[in-house]
Amino acid sequence: MNKKAFILILLGLVWAGSLAWFGLGRIGCQPAGLKNRPRAVAGSEQWQGIYYQDQKIGYSVTMTRVLTEGGQAVSNKSLMRLPLMGEVRQVATTLNYDLDKDYRLTGFEFKMGGAAEISVKGRVMGKRLGLEIISNGQSQNTEMDIPGNITMPEALEPMLIGKSLVPGKEYGFSVFDPASMAVVPLTVMVIGSDSLRLDDLWTPAVKLEVSFSGSKSLAWVDSLGQTLKEEGPLGITLLRQTREQALLLPEDFPGMDMLGSIAVPVLKGELPKPRETERMVIAVSGLDLKGLDVSGGRQTVTDSLKQVVQITREQTPELQTVNSKQSEMAEFLKPTVLIQSQDPEIKKLAQSLVKEKKSDWDKTLALEKWVFENLEKSMTISLPSAVEVLQSRRGDCNEHATLFAALARAAGLPCKISLGVVYLDGKFYYHAWNSVYCGKWIELDPTFGQAPADAARLRLVEGDLSQQTRLLSAFGNLKIEILEHRP
């Protein structure tokens, strides 16, 4: 088996979750007693430095201008240089959006550039959100229902205008997250007055707590409603700076590897042959498993109080062909904005790979083998799109899982993406793989070339990559003890 595949664990997933928070953190608002003061952000430019565990890795700038018909046009640009496995990867994002005179979102455009580029445009149409996703030069249009008014992560500042920021007050919003392309709930709670030391000066501030998909972050804003500082998951901090300060970035990061630093520690036990593991029993701490997709299929919670989970690799001789037209499988057969199983090239490839295979499991093996052998194993920081991955033929586990899901669905095989952690070199790393229904759900890993996948992994959520924000609560908190294993 390709040793290189073992170490190319998903940072794209972790990055996308962090990306969501980068936007969520830039709140800004008006503290209590300042409701009638002019808004500081109109026609403004705000710069921030981005830090990871006290090491500067990038910058962000938000520019706001007032529209002639009322409302605002907001533009945010960020650039980050990420040290990964001895290399520095650069990723840039741009988010432009418009608000009407009542600060309601009317439209936006999100772009992310790195190893691959993707653009998402949105337009609010009553209670529907129209989306255009452009990847690899191809455009896809779709719509989704929205729960009334929605905002972008960056638009929380105007949403809080006129609201009293007294300790204990809590406000809820519906936010469209471009990283997962889903509408998610977000809550802001006022903690109280505080002060920060910036450039050797103490600045009065209001401290806020932001809750998003089970993860909490902190933000401090000044008397004009401008953001001073944010602290979020994974040791990420944003700090208000001058333009000159923000643009100062290091050229190198000696001894720093973000991938290793976000790995899940193993408090007890080890796996001498993880890729051959048939059964593993673990105790999970630091994370409430309720509300996650931990139980089911190969995974059984044997002690809910101690959060003990048994993972058993599936046996395949008893597999049978399943009628994929069953209504309960429909969700896992349809295309999504990133799993474009209806794309002509994806359908053509899928049919060519399975046309001589009789059973669903044989079809699964043919698709898994092709993805494993034909995709270059490369660390990629992007939003994975199946049509782009088919063209580029490279990526990490996000890209492998996304393309496999599209091929499987195009071949009539119900398929999900599993998101969780996998064991490697004494730690658990965040990872993505797949589940296919062949009479029962079977987990496989096209990045590692395994069908079924080994049991040295823990599934936390499943569905597609829109579920990745549910992992935010695990980052920096999840810990695992290995109680038993075979072999």
Protein backbone atom coordinates (compact mmCIF):
# COMPACT_ATOMS: atom_id res chain seq x y z
CA MET A 1 0.00 0.00 0.00
CA ASN A 2 1.16 3.52 -0.80
CA LYS A 3 2.84 4.82 2.38
CA LYS A 4 2.32 8.38 1.21
CA ALA A 5 -1.45 7.92 1.46
CA PHE A 6 -1.13 7.20 5.17
CA ILE A 7 0.19 10.65 5.99
CA LEU A 8 -2.07 12.70 3.73
CA ILE A 9 -4.85 13.13 6.27
CA LEU A 10 -7.44 15.80 5.83
CA LEU A 11 -6.55 19.33 6.75
CA GLY A 12 -9.08 20.59 4.22
CA LEU A 13 -11.87 19.50 6.56
CA VAL A 14 -10.27 21.19 9.56
CA TRP A 15 -9.49 24.26 7.48
CA ALA A 16 -13.06 24.57 6.24
CA GLY A 17 -14.36 24.43 9.77
CA SER A 18 -11.84 27.02 10.85
CA LEU A 19 -12.68 29.16 7.84
CA ALA A 20 -16.27 29.33 9.00
CA TRP A 21 -15.09 30.66 12.36
CA PHE A 22 -12.75 33.23 10.78
CA GLY A 23 -15.87 34.86 9.38
CA LEU A 24 -17.92 34.36 12.52
CA GLY A 25 -15.31 36.02 14.65
CA ARG A 26 -15.37 39.36 12.85
CA ILE A 27 -18.48 40.53 14.62
CA GLY A 28 -18.35 44.14 15.68
CA CYS A 29 -21.45 45.71 17.21
CA GLN A 30 -22.63 48.66 19.25
CA PRO A 31 -22.53 48.28 23.02
CA ALA A 32 -25.49 49.22 25.17
CA GLY A 33 -26.06 52.96 25.36
CA LEU A 34 -24.57 53.62 21.92
CA LYS A 35 -27.61 52.77 19.79
CA ASN A 36 -27.92 56.22 18.25
CA ARG A 37 -24.28 56.84 17.51
CA PRO A 38 -23.05 56.76 13.90
CA ARG A 39 -21.94 53.33 12.81
CA ALA A 40 -18.18 53.17 12.71
CA VAL A 41 -17.98 50.65 9.91
CA ALA A 42 -19.74 52.67 7.17
CA GLY A 43 -17.10 53.54 4.58
CA SER A 44 -14.39 51.96 6.73
CA GLU A 45 -11.46 49.60 6.32
CA GLN A 46 -10.53 47.24 9.17
CA TRP A 47 -7.37 45.13 9.22
CA GLN A 48 -6.62 42.10 11.40
CA GLY A 49 -3.68 39.79 11.87
CA ILE A 50 -4.44 36.06 12.00
CA TYR A 51 -2.49 33.96 14.49
CA TYR A 52 -2.25 30.25 15.19
CA GLN A 53 -0.99 29.43 18.68
CA ASP A 54 0.73 32.85 18.89
CA GLN A 55 2.40 32.44 15.48
CA LYS A 56 1.21 34.85 12.80
CA ILE A 57 -0.04 33.01 9.72
CA GLY A 58 -2.06 35.60 7.79
CA TYR A 59 -4.16 38.72 7.63
CA SER A 60 -7.70 39.85 6.92
CA VAL A 61 -9.18 43.14 5.72
CA THR A 62 -12.87 44.12 5.72
CA MET A 63 -14.06 47.13 3.68
CA THR A 64 -17.55 48.61 3.94
CA ARG A 65 -19.27 51.26 1.83
CA VAL A 66 -22.76 52.73 1.96
CA LEU A 67 -25.00 52.08 -1.06
CA THR A 68 -26.88 55.01 -2.63
CA GLU A 69 -30.21 53.22 -2.27
CA GLY A 70 -29.49 52.44 1.37
CA GLY A 71 -27.80 49.42 2.86
CA GLN A 72 -24.19 48.38 2.59
CA ALA A 73 -21.72 46.60 0.36
CA VAL A 74 -19.10 44.67 2.35
CA SER A 75 -15.92 43.04 1.08
CA ASN A 76 -13.55 40.83 3.05
CA LYS A 77 -10.24 39.42 1.85
CA SER A 78 -7.95 37.11 3.76
CA LEU A 79 -4.67 35.40 3.07
CA MET A 80 -3.07 32.65 5.10
CA ARG A 81 0.22 30.81 4.87
CA LEU A 82 -0.12 27.41 6.53
CA PRO A 83 2.86 25.22 7.53
CA LEU A 84 1.90 21.64 6.66
CA MET A 85 4.25 18.66 6.71
CA GLY A 86 7.36 20.71 5.99
CA GLU A 87 5.75 22.89 3.31
CA VAL A 88 4.02 26.26 3.46
CA ARG A 89 0.65 26.27 1.66
CA GLN A 90 -1.03 29.56 0.80
CA VAL A 91 -4.78 30.03 0.63
CA ALA A 92 -6.74 33.18 -0.15
CA THR A 93 -10.45 33.88 0.30
CA THR A 94 -12.72 36.71 -0.83
CA LEU A 95 -16.25 37.34 0.41
CA ASN A 96 -18.41 40.14 -1.02
CA TYR A 97 -22.00 40.66 0.07
CA ASP A 98 -24.76 43.28 0.03
CA LEU A 99 -27.21 44.24 2.77
CA ASP A 100 -30.43 46.20 2.28
CA LYS A 101 -31.38 49.25 4.36
CA ASP A 102 -32.69 46.94 7.10
CA TYR A 103 -29.34 45.04 7.09
CA ARG A 104 -30.84 41.92 5.52
CA LEU A 105 -28.67 39.87 3.18
CA THR A 106 -29.57 40.27 -0.50
CA GLY A 107 -26.65 38.60 -2.26
CA PHE A 108 -23.04 37.44 -1.95
CA GLU A 109 -20.05 35.99 -3.77
CA PHE A 110 -17.45 33.77 -2.07
CA LYS A 111 -14.17 32.72 -3.68
CA MET A 112 -11.50 30.42 -2.32
CA GLY A 113 -8.17 29.94 -4.04
CA GLY A 114 -5.36 27.56 -3.24
CA ALA A 115 -4.61 24.20 -4.82
CA ALA A 116 -8.04 24.47 -6.45
CA GLU A 117 -10.38 27.39 -6.94
CA ILE A 118 -14.09 27.52 -6.30
CA SER A 119 -16.64 30.33 -6.45
CA VAL A 120 -20.07 30.43 -4.83
CA LYS A 121 -22.61 33.13 -5.72
CA GLY A 122 -25.88 33.54 -3.86
CA ARG A 123 -29.04 35.60 -4.25
CA VAL A 124 -31.86 35.77 -1.70
CA MET A 125 -35.27 35.30 -3.32
CA GLY A 126 -37.89 35.53 -0.59
CA LYS A 127 -37.64 32.30 1.38
CA ARG A 128 -35.29 30.69 -1.14
CA LEU A 129 -31.56 31.10 -1.64
CA GLY A 130 -30.35 30.70 -5.21
CA LEU A 131 -26.78 29.43 -5.55
CA GLU A 132 -24.35 29.25 -8.45
CA ILE A 133 -21.25 27.15 -7.83
CA ILE A 134 -18.39 27.51 -10.29
CA SER A 135 -15.64 24.88 -10.16
CA ASN A 136 -13.17 23.87 -12.85
CA GLY A 137 -14.87 26.26 -15.27
CA GLN A 138 -18.21 24.50 -14.85
CA SER A 139 -21.26 26.21 -13.41
CA GLN A 140 -23.98 24.51 -11.36
CA ASN A 141 -27.17 26.17 -10.16
CA THR A 142 -29.30 25.11 -7.23
CA GLU A 143 -31.70 26.52 -4.65
CA MET A 144 -32.34 25.90 -0.98
CA ASP A 145 -35.01 26.86 1.54
CA ILE A 146 -33.99 29.44 4.13
CA PRO A 147 -35.58 30.11 7.54
CA GLY A 148 -36.62 33.72 6.98
CA ASN A 149 -33.87 36.34 7.13
CA ILE A 150 -30.31 35.03 6.92
CA THR A 151 -26.96 36.75 7.22
CA MET A 152 -23.35 36.07 6.36
CA PRO A 153 -20.86 35.38 9.15
CA GLU A 154 -19.38 38.85 8.67
CA ALA A 155 -22.78 40.59 8.78
CA LEU A 156 -23.43 40.05 12.46
CA GLU A 157 -22.36 43.60 13.27
CA PRO A 158 -25.34 45.24 11.56
CA MET A 159 -27.63 42.50 12.85
CA LEU A 160 -26.80 43.59 16.40
CA ILE A 161 -27.42 47.28 15.75
CA GLY A 162 -29.94 48.64 18.24
CA LYS A 163 -29.73 45.61 20.51
CA SER A 164 -28.83 46.09 24.14
CA LEU A 165 -25.51 44.46 24.96
CA VAL A 166 -25.95 43.97 28.69
CA PRO A 167 -24.46 40.92 30.41
CA GLY A 168 -26.51 37.77 29.93
CA LYS A 169 -28.34 38.98 26.80
CA GLU A 170 -28.43 36.37 24.03
CA TYR A 171 -29.29 36.73 20.34
CA GLY A 172 -29.77 34.06 17.67
CA PHE A 173 -29.21 34.26 13.91
CA SER A 174 -29.34 32.04 10.84
CA VAL A 175 -26.03 32.19 8.97
CA PHE A 176 -25.10 30.91 5.52
CA ASP A 177 -21.70 29.26 5.83
CA PRO A 178 -19.89 29.22 2.44
CA ALA A 179 -17.42 26.60 3.70
CA SER A 180 -20.15 23.96 4.08
CA MET A 181 -22.76 25.64 1.84
CA ALA A 182 -25.41 25.25 4.50
CA VAL A 183 -27.58 27.52 6.64
CA VAL A 184 -26.63 27.03 10.28
CA PRO A 185 -27.76 28.59 13.58
CA LEU A 186 -25.46 30.94 15.48
CA THR A 187 -25.87 32.47 18.94
CA VAL A 188 -24.20 35.55 20.42
CA MET A 189 -24.21 35.98 24.21
CA VAL A 190 -23.01 39.13 25.99
CA ILE A 191 -20.53 38.32 28.77
CA GLY A 192 -19.87 41.87 29.95
CA SER A 193 -17.40 44.75 30.09
CA ASP A 194 -13.70 44.04 29.76
CA SER A 195 -10.50 45.73 28.58
CA LEU A 196 -7.66 44.74 26.26
CA ARG A 197 -4.05 45.85 26.05
CA LEU A 198 -3.33 46.88 22.45
CA ASP A 199 -0.13 48.67 21.44
CA ASP A 200 0.69 49.28 25.12
CA LEU A 201 -2.69 50.96 25.71
CA TRP A 202 -5.64 49.59 27.65
CA THR A 203 -8.85 49.78 25.60
CA PRO A 204 -12.35 49.35 27.11
CA ALA A 205 -14.35 46.59 25.40
CA VAL A 206 -17.46 44.43 25.53
CA LYS A 207 -16.77 40.70 25.62
CA LEU A 208 -19.03 38.35 23.63
CA GLU A 209 -19.35 34.59 23.31
CA VAL A 210 -20.26 33.14 19.91
CA SER A 211 -21.71 29.61 19.72
CA PHE A 212 -21.64 27.85 16.36
CA SER A 213 -22.20 24.12 15.71
CA GLY A 214 -21.26 23.13 19.25
CA SER A 215 -18.10 25.25 19.28
CA LYS A 216 -17.61 28.46 21.24
CA SER A 217 -15.39 31.45 20.49
CA LEU A 218 -14.84 34.84 22.12
CA ALA A 219 -14.86 38.35 20.66
CA TRP A 220 -14.07 41.79 22.10
CA VAL A 221 -15.51 44.99 20.55
CA ASP A 222 -14.82 48.63 21.36
CA SER A 223 -17.20 51.55 22.01
CA LEU A 224 -17.56 52.20 18.27
CA GLY A 225 -18.60 48.62 17.58
CA GLN A 226 -15.30 47.64 15.95
CA THR A 227 -13.73 44.27 16.62
CA LEU A 228 -10.57 44.33 18.72
CA LYS A 229 -9.80 40.65 19.11
CA GLU A 230 -11.26 37.16 18.58
CA GLU A 231 -10.23 33.81 19.99
CA GLY A 232 -11.57 30.67 18.34
CA PRO A 233 -11.07 26.92 17.96
CA LEU A 234 -7.67 25.37 17.32
CA GLY A 235 -5.81 28.22 19.02
CA ILE A 236 -6.71 30.68 16.27
CA THR A 237 -6.73 34.38 17.16
CA LEU A 238 -7.60 37.48 15.14
CA LEU A 239 -6.21 40.79 16.38
CA ARG A 240 -6.99 44.31 15.15
CA GLN A 241 -3.90 45.90 13.58
CA THR A 242 -2.88 48.68 11.26
CA ARG A 243 -2.53 47.87 7.58
CA GLU A 244 1.25 47.86 7.87
CA GLN A 245 1.19 45.54 10.89
CA ALA A 246 -1.30 43.14 9.34
CA LEU A 247 0.65 42.73 6.10
CA LEU A 248 3.84 41.64 7.90
CA LEU A 249 4.03 37.85 7.46
CA PRO A 250 6.87 35.43 8.21
CA GLU A 251 8.54 33.67 5.28
CA ASP A 252 9.06 30.40 7.12
CA PHE A 253 7.75 28.51 10.16
CA PRO A 254 10.67 26.46 11.58
CA GLY A 255 9.52 23.36 13.42
CA MET A 256 5.82 24.18 13.06
CA ASP A 257 3.30 21.73 11.58
CA MET A 258 -0.39 22.60 11.88
CA LEU A 259 -1.45 19.10 10.86
CA GLY A 260 0.31 17.44 13.76
CA SER A 261 -0.73 20.06 16.28
CA ILE A 262 -4.46 19.50 15.70
CA ALA A 263 -4.23 15.72 16.00
CA VAL A 264 -6.25 13.99 18.73
CA PRO A 265 -4.07 12.73 21.60
CA VAL A 266 -4.22 9.08 22.69
CA LEU A 267 -4.31 9.00 26.50
CA LYS A 268 -3.84 5.24 26.75
CA GLY A 269 -2.92 2.32 24.49
CA GLU A 270 -1.59 2.00 20.97
CA LEU A 271 -2.25 0.15 17.73
CA PRO A 272 0.83 -1.66 16.38
CA LYS A 273 -0.83 -2.46 13.01
CA PRO A 274 -3.59 0.13 12.51
CA ARG A 275 -4.31 -0.68 8.85
CA GLU A 276 -4.89 -4.32 9.81
CA THR A 277 -7.10 -3.60 12.82
CA GLU A 278 -10.33 -5.65 12.72
CA ARG A 279 -11.78 -4.52 16.05
CA MET A 280 -11.11 -1.59 18.39
CA VAL A 281 -12.72 -0.52 21.66
CA ILE A 282 -12.11 3.05 22.82
CA ALA A 283 -13.23 5.47 25.53
CA VAL A 284 -13.95 9.00 24.32
CA SER A 285 -13.61 12.09 26.52
CA GLY A 286 -13.72 15.86 26.09
CA LEU A 287 -16.65 15.62 23.67
CA ASP A 288 -20.33 14.80 24.19
CA LEU A 289 -21.21 12.11 21.64
CA LYS A 290 -24.93 12.88 21.82
CA GLY A 291 -26.08 14.52 18.62
CA LEU A 292 -23.21 13.02 16.60
CA ASP A 293 -23.42 10.05 14.23
CA VAL A 294 -21.34 7.70 16.38
CA SER A 295 -23.82 4.83 16.84
CA GLY A 296 -24.82 2.62 13.92
CA GLY A 297 -23.33 0.25 11.39
CA ARG A 298 -19.88 -0.89 12.43
CA GLN A 299 -19.92 1.30 15.55
CA THR A 300 -21.68 0.46 18.83
CA VAL A 301 -21.77 2.59 21.98
CA THR A 302 -21.43 -0.09 24.68
CA ASP A 303 -21.35 2.33 27.65
CA SER A 304 -23.05 5.68 27.11
CA LEU A 305 -21.96 7.05 30.51
CA LYS A 306 -18.25 6.36 29.97
CA GLN A 307 -18.65 6.90 26.21
CA VAL A 308 -17.13 3.55 25.27
CA VAL A 309 -17.37 2.76 21.57
CA GLN A 310 -16.68 -0.55 19.82
CA ILE A 311 -15.69 -0.45 16.15
CA THR A 312 -15.73 -3.71 14.16
CA ARG A 313 -14.59 -4.06 10.57
CA GLU A 314 -17.41 -5.38 8.39
CA GLN A 315 -17.46 -8.87 6.88
CA THR A 316 -18.49 -8.94 3.22
CA PRO A 317 -19.36 -12.55 2.17
CA GLU A 318 -23.03 -12.12 3.13
CA LEU A 319 -23.55 -8.95 1.08
CA GLN A 320 -26.48 -8.88 -1.31
CA THR A 321 -27.48 -6.61 -4.19
CA VAL A 322 -29.91 -3.96 -2.99
CA ASN A 323 -32.70 -2.23 -4.90
CA SER A 324 -31.33 1.31 -4.98
CA LYS A 325 -34.80 2.70 -5.71
CA GLN A 326 -35.87 2.25 -2.12
CA SER A 327 -37.22 5.53 -0.78
CA GLU A 328 -34.97 5.46 2.27
CA MET A 329 -31.92 5.42 0.02
CA ALA A 330 -33.00 8.36 -2.17
CA GLU A 331 -31.08 10.94 -0.13
CA PHE A 332 -27.82 9.08 -0.69
CA LEU A 333 -28.32 8.75 -4.45
CA LYS A 334 -29.05 12.34 -5.40
CA PRO A 335 -26.40 14.89 -6.48
CA THR A 336 -25.40 17.81 -4.28
CA VAL A 337 -23.60 21.07 -4.99
CA LEU A 338 -20.20 19.38 -4.55
CA ILE A 339 -21.08 15.73 -5.24
CA GLN A 340 -22.12 16.24 -8.86
CA SER A 341 -23.16 12.67 -9.67
CA GLN A 342 -25.29 13.93 -12.58
CA ASP A 343 -22.27 15.36 -14.41
CA PRO A 344 -21.89 13.68 -17.85
CA GLU A 345 -18.19 12.90 -17.42
CA ILE A 346 -18.71 11.44 -13.94
CA LYS A 347 -21.64 9.32 -15.17
CA LYS A 348 -19.66 8.12 -18.17
CA LEU A 349 -16.69 7.07 -16.04
CA ALA A 350 -18.87 5.37 -13.41
CA GLN A 351 -20.74 3.31 -15.99
CA SER A 352 -17.53 2.27 -17.73
CA LEU A 353 -16.08 1.01 -14.45
CA VAL A 354 -19.11 -1.02 -13.32
CA LYS A 355 -20.66 -2.21 -16.60
CA GLU A 356 -19.29 -5.76 -16.30
CA LYS A 357 -19.78 -6.06 -12.53
CA LYS A 358 -22.77 -8.08 -11.35
CA SER A 359 -23.04 -7.32 -7.63
CA ASP A 360 -23.19 -3.95 -5.89
CA TRP A 361 -20.13 -4.88 -3.85
CA ASP A 362 -18.12 -5.73 -6.97
CA LYS A 363 -19.16 -2.35 -8.41
CA THR A 364 -18.04 -0.67 -5.17
CA LEU A 365 -14.65 -2.39 -5.31
CA ALA A 366 -14.11 -1.28 -8.91
CA LEU A 367 -14.89 2.37 -8.12
CA GLU A 368 -12.78 2.39 -4.95
CA LYS A 369 -9.82 0.83 -6.78
CA TRP A 370 -10.00 3.42 -9.57
CA VAL A 371 -10.12 6.41 -7.19
CA PHE A 372 -7.26 5.06 -5.09
CA GLU A 373 -5.03 4.33 -8.09
CA ASN A 374 -5.82 7.39 -10.21
CA LEU A 375 -5.73 10.29 -7.74
CA GLU A 376 -2.37 11.74 -6.79
CA LYS A 377 -2.06 11.95 -3.01
CA SER A 378 -1.59 15.67 -2.39
CA MET A 379 -2.42 17.91 0.57
CA THR A 380 -5.13 20.27 -0.68
CA ILE A 381 -6.77 23.21 1.04
CA SER A 382 -9.97 23.86 -0.81
CA LEU A 383 -13.66 23.02 -0.99
CA PRO A 384 -13.66 19.67 -2.83
CA SER A 385 -15.83 19.49 -5.94
CA ALA A 386 -16.20 16.13 -7.69
CA VAL A 387 -15.98 17.62 -11.20
CA GLU A 388 -12.82 19.55 -10.28
CA VAL A 389 -11.21 16.50 -8.67
CA LEU A 390 -11.97 14.36 -11.73
CA GLN A 391 -10.18 16.95 -13.85
CA SER A 392 -7.17 17.58 -11.58
CA ARG A 393 -6.79 13.93 -10.44
CA ARG A 394 -5.22 14.93 -7.12
CA GLY A 395 -6.13 15.76 -3.55
CA ASP A 396 -6.28 14.56 0.05
CA CYS A 397 -8.99 12.47 1.66
CA ASN A 398 -11.64 15.16 1.14
CA GLU A 399 -11.14 14.96 -2.62
CA HIS A 400 -10.97 11.15 -2.64
CA ALA A 401 -14.18 10.82 -0.62
CA THR A 402 -16.05 13.42 -2.66
CA LEU A 403 -15.17 11.93 -6.05
CA PHE A 404 -15.91 8.41 -4.87
CA ALA A 405 -19.32 9.50 -3.56
CA ALA A 406 -20.16 11.07 -6.93
CA LEU A 407 -19.07 7.98 -8.88
CA ALA A 408 -20.95 5.64 -6.55
CA ARG A 409 -24.18 7.62 -6.78
CA ALA A 410 -23.81 7.87 -10.56
CA ALA A 411 -23.55 4.05 -10.61
CA GLY A 412 -26.74 3.70 -8.55
CA LEU A 413 -24.98 2.90 -5.27
CA PRO A 414 -26.24 4.76 -2.16
CA CYS A 415 -23.20 6.51 -0.69
CA LYS A 416 -22.32 8.81 2.22
CA ILE A 417 -19.20 10.63 3.34
CA SER A 418 -17.98 9.75 6.82
CA LEU A 419 -16.06 12.33 8.83
CA GLY A 420 -14.06 11.51 11.93
CA VAL A 421 -10.57 10.52 13.03
CA VAL A 422 -8.17 7.76 11.99
CA TYR A 423 -5.17 6.33 13.89
CA LEU A 424 -1.65 6.95 12.57
CA ASP A 425 1.73 7.04 14.32
CA GLY A 426 0.38 7.22 17.86
CA LYS A 427 -2.35 9.86 17.30
CA PHE A 428 -5.77 10.18 15.71
CA TYR A 429 -5.97 12.57 12.76
CA TYR A 430 -9.08 14.15 11.26
CA HIS A 431 -10.06 12.27 8.13
CA ALA A 432 -12.82 11.65 5.58
CA TRP A 433 -13.86 8.35 4.00
CA ASN A 434 -17.06 6.73 2.63
CA SER A 435 -19.96 4.39 3.40
CA VAL A 436 -21.76 2.45 0.65
CA TYR A 437 -25.01 0.50 1.02
CA CYS A 438 -24.74 -3.07 -0.33
CA GLY A 439 -27.43 -4.80 1.70
CA LYS A 440 -25.93 -3.03 4.73
CA TRP A 441 -23.72 0.01 5.16
CA ILE A 442 -20.05 -0.76 4.57
CA GLU A 443 -17.30 1.77 5.29
CA LEU A 444 -14.38 2.01 2.88
CA ASP A 445 -11.43 4.33 2.42
CA PRO A 446 -10.41 5.26 -1.15
CA THR A 447 -7.51 7.37 0.19
CA PHE A 448 -5.94 4.31 1.85
CA GLY A 449 -7.16 1.81 -0.76
CA GLN A 450 -9.25 -0.17 1.73
CA ALA A 451 -12.60 -1.87 1.23
CA PRO A 452 -13.82 -2.41 3.90
CA ALA A 453 -11.84 0.18 5.85
CA ASP A 454 -9.84 -0.82 8.92
CA ALA A 455 -11.36 -0.41 12.39
CA ALA A 456 -8.65 2.00 13.59
CA ARG A 457 -10.96 4.99 13.15
CA LEU A 458 -13.95 6.69 14.75
CA ARG A 459 -16.81 8.08 12.67
CA LEU A 460 -18.25 11.24 14.22
CA VAL A 461 -20.60 12.61 11.54
CA GLU A 462 -21.81 11.40 8.16
CA GLY A 463 -23.75 12.56 5.11
CA ASP A 464 -21.70 14.96 3.00
CA LEU A 465 -19.21 17.76 3.64
CA SER A 466 -22.00 20.16 4.62
CA GLN A 467 -21.93 18.26 7.93
CA GLN A 468 -18.34 19.24 8.69
CA THR A 469 -19.26 22.19 10.90
CA ARG A 470 -20.66 19.64 13.38
CA LEU A 471 -17.04 18.66 14.03
CA LEU A 472 -16.09 22.07 15.39
CA SER A 473 -16.89 21.02 18.94
CA ALA A 474 -14.30 18.23 18.69
CA PHE A 475 -11.35 20.41 17.73
CA GLY A 476 -9.01 20.85 20.66
CA ASN A 477 -11.31 18.90 22.98
CA LEU A 478 -11.50 15.29 21.77
CA LYS A 479 -9.35 12.71 23.57
CA ILE A 480 -9.26 8.93 23.11
CA GLU A 481 -8.18 5.92 25.20
CA ILE A 482 -7.63 2.62 23.38
CA LEU A 483 -9.03 -0.13 25.65
CA GLU A 484 -8.90 -3.16 23.31
CA HIS A 485 -7.90 -4.01 19.76
CA ARG A 486 -7.51 -6.96 17.39
CA PRO A 487 -4.92 -7.41 16.03
